[in-house]
């Protein structure tokens, strides 16, 4: 069974940056469109960004467009999310999954943006 392990979160000041990583076990990673999601306290989990299997197409939620960048390395079964110009509203637990959300969720990685 494919497993997802997110890492790279932390506490950062407004305007700061972080780079999140998501490592996937199994051999299906390279054929899947992958995405990052986030869930803030008391809110529904929401989509943040996706990247197609070959990396040729990306798209972002309006709330993060121009600030976040998704990328992937299929040789390492890893997808990344670069977070720049962070705001307090970006505080959430960040998860990765396929676009179809068809892999069991990992534990996520906490991002906290605070002075």
C-alpha atoms as a PDB file:
ATOM      1  CA  UNK A   1       0.000   0.000   0.000  1.00  0.00           C
ATOM      2  CA  UNK A   2       1.276   3.449  -0.856  1.00  0.00           C
ATOM      3  CA  UNK A   3       2.138   5.633   2.109  1.00  0.00           C
ATOM      4  CA  UNK A   4       2.689   9.377   2.258  1.00  0.00           C
ATOM      5  CA  UNK A   5       5.069  11.125   4.654  1.00  0.00           C
ATOM      6  CA  UNK A   6       5.011  14.916   4.809  1.00  0.00           C
ATOM      7  CA  UNK A   7       7.786  16.989   6.374  1.00  0.00           C
ATOM      8  CA  UNK A   8       9.302  20.456   6.455  1.00  0.00           C
ATOM      9  CA  UNK A   9       6.727  22.393   8.422  1.00  0.00           C
ATOM     10  CA  UNK A  10       7.495  24.681  11.324  1.00  0.00           C
ATOM     11  CA  UNK A  11       7.005  28.056  12.930  1.00  0.00           C
ATOM     12  CA  UNK A  12       7.798  31.013  10.701  1.00  0.00           C
ATOM     13  CA  UNK A  13       7.226  34.752  10.875  1.00  0.00           C
ATOM     14  CA  UNK A  14       4.906  36.525   8.429  1.00  0.00           C
ATOM     15  CA  UNK A  15       6.725  37.056   5.158  1.00  0.00           C
ATOM     16  CA  UNK A  16       8.917  34.034   5.705  1.00  0.00           C
ATOM     17  CA  UNK A  17       9.388  30.877   3.650  1.00  0.00           C
ATOM     18  CA  UNK A  18       9.283  27.136   4.088  1.00  0.00           C
ATOM     19  CA  UNK A  19       9.752  24.150   1.807  1.00  0.00           C
ATOM     20  CA  UNK A  20       7.540  21.154   2.397  1.00  0.00           C
ATOM     21  CA  UNK A  21       8.291  17.658   1.156  1.00  0.00           C
ATOM     22  CA  UNK A  22       6.080  14.647   0.671  1.00  0.00           C
ATOM     23  CA  UNK A  23       7.679  11.261   0.131  1.00  0.00           C
ATOM     24  CA  UNK A  24       5.559   8.471  -1.298  1.00  0.00           C
ATOM     25  CA  UNK A  25       6.306   4.787  -1.061  1.00  0.00           C
ATOM     26  CA  UNK A  26       5.241   2.447  -3.818  1.00  0.00           C
ATOM     27  CA  UNK A  27       5.640   2.541  -7.567  1.00  0.00           C
ATOM     28  CA  UNK A  28       2.516   4.408  -8.643  1.00  0.00           C
ATOM     29  CA  UNK A  29       3.774   7.865  -7.765  1.00  0.00           C
ATOM     30  CA  UNK A  30       5.148   8.775 -11.182  1.00  0.00           C
ATOM     31  CA  UNK A  31       1.827   8.248 -12.974  1.00  0.00           C
ATOM     32  CA  UNK A  32      -0.295  10.273 -10.591  1.00  0.00           C
ATOM     33  CA  UNK A  33      -1.251  13.917 -10.542  1.00  0.00           C
ATOM     34  CA  UNK A  34      -0.222  14.953  -7.050  1.00  0.00           C
ATOM     35  CA  UNK A  35      -1.596  17.737  -4.928  1.00  0.00           C
ATOM     36  CA  UNK A  36      -1.088  19.570  -1.684  1.00  0.00           C
ATOM     37  CA  UNK A  37      -3.968  20.250   0.647  1.00  0.00           C
ATOM     38  CA  UNK A  38      -4.240  22.051   3.960  1.00  0.00           C
ATOM     39  CA  UNK A  39      -6.577  22.117   6.911  1.00  0.00           C
ATOM     40  CA  UNK A  40      -6.749  25.025   9.301  1.00  0.00           C
ATOM     41  CA  UNK A  41      -8.284  24.644  12.771  1.00  0.00           C
ATOM     42  CA  UNK A  42     -12.052  24.486  12.547  1.00  0.00           C
ATOM     43  CA  UNK A  43     -12.069  24.486   8.746  1.00  0.00           C
ATOM     44  CA  UNK A  44     -12.511  21.943   5.976  1.00  0.00           C
ATOM     45  CA  UNK A  45      -9.486  20.501   4.245  1.00  0.00           C
ATOM     46  CA  UNK A  46      -8.853  22.513   1.091  1.00  0.00           C
ATOM     47  CA  UNK A  47      -6.878  22.066  -2.056  1.00  0.00           C
ATOM     48  CA  UNK A  48      -3.768  24.263  -2.403  1.00  0.00           C
ATOM     49  CA  UNK A  49      -1.911  23.161  -5.539  1.00  0.00           C
ATOM     50  CA  UNK A  50      -1.553  20.299  -7.988  1.00  0.00           C
ATOM     51  CA  UNK A  51       1.044  19.071 -10.448  1.00  0.00           C
ATOM     52  CA  UNK A  52       0.544  16.573 -13.261  1.00  0.00           C
ATOM     53  CA  UNK A  53       2.484  13.320 -13.437  1.00  0.00           C
ATOM     54  CA  UNK A  54       5.241  14.687 -15.667  1.00  0.00           C
ATOM     55  CA  UNK A  55       5.313  18.052 -14.000  1.00  0.00           C
ATOM     56  CA  UNK A  56       4.214  19.897 -17.096  1.00  0.00           C
ATOM     57  CA  UNK A  57       1.121  21.484 -15.628  1.00  0.00           C
ATOM     58  CA  UNK A  58       0.556  23.095 -12.265  1.00  0.00           C
ATOM     59  CA  UNK A  59      -2.322  25.017 -10.777  1.00  0.00           C
ATOM     60  CA  UNK A  60      -2.935  26.853  -7.535  1.00  0.00           C
ATOM     61  CA  UNK A  61      -5.765  27.990  -5.351  1.00  0.00           C
ATOM     62  CA  UNK A  62      -6.309  31.729  -5.674  1.00  0.00           C
ATOM     63  CA  UNK A  63      -5.316  32.245  -2.048  1.00  0.00           C
ATOM     64  CA  UNK A  64      -1.740  31.042  -2.699  1.00  0.00           C
ATOM     65  CA  UNK A  65      -1.209  31.907  -6.356  1.00  0.00           C
ATOM     66  CA  UNK A  66       2.042  33.779  -6.857  1.00  0.00           C
ATOM     67  CA  UNK A  67       3.357  32.804  -3.413  1.00  0.00           C
ATOM     68  CA  UNK A  68       3.534  29.000  -3.443  1.00  0.00           C
ATOM     69  CA  UNK A  69       5.228  26.708  -5.959  1.00  0.00           C
ATOM     70  CA  UNK A  70       4.690  22.973  -6.369  1.00  0.00           C
ATOM     71  CA  UNK A  71       7.277  20.690  -7.926  1.00  0.00           C
ATOM     72  CA  UNK A  72       8.116  17.003  -8.008  1.00  0.00           C
ATOM     73  CA  UNK A  73      11.015  14.614  -8.467  1.00  0.00           C
ATOM     74  CA  UNK A  74       9.723  11.301  -9.795  1.00  0.00           C
ATOM     75  CA  UNK A  75      13.128   9.683  -9.317  1.00  0.00           C
ATOM     76  CA  UNK A  76      12.699  10.266  -5.585  1.00  0.00           C
ATOM     77  CA  UNK A  77       8.912   9.722  -5.421  1.00  0.00           C
ATOM     78  CA  UNK A  78       8.706  13.145  -3.790  1.00  0.00           C
ATOM     79  CA  UNK A  79       6.550  16.205  -4.288  1.00  0.00           C
ATOM     80  CA  UNK A  80       7.496  19.598  -2.874  1.00  0.00           C
ATOM     81  CA  UNK A  81       5.699  22.785  -1.955  1.00  0.00           C
ATOM     82  CA  UNK A  82       7.676  26.003  -1.666  1.00  0.00           C
ATOM     83  CA  UNK A  83       5.843  28.490   0.534  1.00  0.00           C
ATOM     84  CA  UNK A  84       6.887  32.133   0.219  1.00  0.00           C
ATOM     85  CA  UNK A  85       5.509  35.395   1.601  1.00  0.00           C
ATOM     86  CA  UNK A  86       3.683  33.468   4.266  1.00  0.00           C
ATOM     87  CA  UNK A  87       0.686  34.985   6.015  1.00  0.00           C
ATOM     88  CA  UNK A  88      -1.092  34.131   9.250  1.00  0.00           C
ATOM     89  CA  UNK A  89      -3.954  32.701   7.153  1.00  0.00           C
ATOM     90  CA  UNK A  90      -1.556  30.072   5.816  1.00  0.00           C
ATOM     91  CA  UNK A  91      -1.390  28.464   9.241  1.00  0.00           C
ATOM     92  CA  UNK A  92      -2.625  24.900   8.827  1.00  0.00           C
ATOM     93  CA  UNK A  93      -1.642  21.275   8.666  1.00  0.00           C
ATOM     94  CA  UNK A  94      -0.431  20.565   5.149  1.00  0.00           C
ATOM     95  CA  UNK A  95      -0.997  17.220   3.451  1.00  0.00           C
ATOM     96  CA  UNK A  96      -0.190  15.730   0.089  1.00  0.00           C
ATOM     97  CA  UNK A  97      -2.235  13.191  -1.842  1.00  0.00           C
ATOM     98  CA  UNK A  98      -3.204  12.381  -5.367  1.00  0.00           C
ATOM     99  CA  UNK A  99      -5.661  14.681  -7.106  1.00  0.00           C
ATOM    100  CA  UNK A 100      -8.269  11.974  -6.555  1.00  0.00           C
ATOM    101  CA  UNK A 101      -7.351  11.676  -2.872  1.00  0.00           C
ATOM    102  CA  UNK A 102      -7.129   7.921  -3.319  1.00  0.00           C
ATOM    103  CA  UNK A 103      -4.200   7.243  -1.032  1.00  0.00           C
ATOM    104  CA  UNK A 104      -4.617   7.036   2.758  1.00  0.00           C
ATOM    105  CA  UNK A 105      -3.753  10.416   4.244  1.00  0.00           C
ATOM    106  CA  UNK A 106      -0.406  10.866   5.953  1.00  0.00           C
ATOM    107  CA  UNK A 107       0.082  12.649   9.241  1.00  0.00           C
ATOM    108  CA  UNK A 108       0.613  16.004   7.584  1.00  0.00           C
ATOM    109  CA  UNK A 109       3.083  18.694   8.576  1.00  0.00           C
ATOM    110  CA  UNK A 110       2.164  21.713  10.693  1.00  0.00           C
ATOM    111  CA  UNK A 111       2.852  25.184   9.352  1.00  0.00           C
ATOM    112  CA  UNK A 112       2.401  28.020  11.825  1.00  0.00           C
ATOM    113  CA  UNK A 113       2.814  31.621  10.726  1.00  0.00           C
ATOM    114  CA  UNK A 114       3.106  33.951  13.680  1.00  0.00           C
ATOM    115  CA  UNK A 115       5.182  36.980  14.739  1.00  0.00           C
END
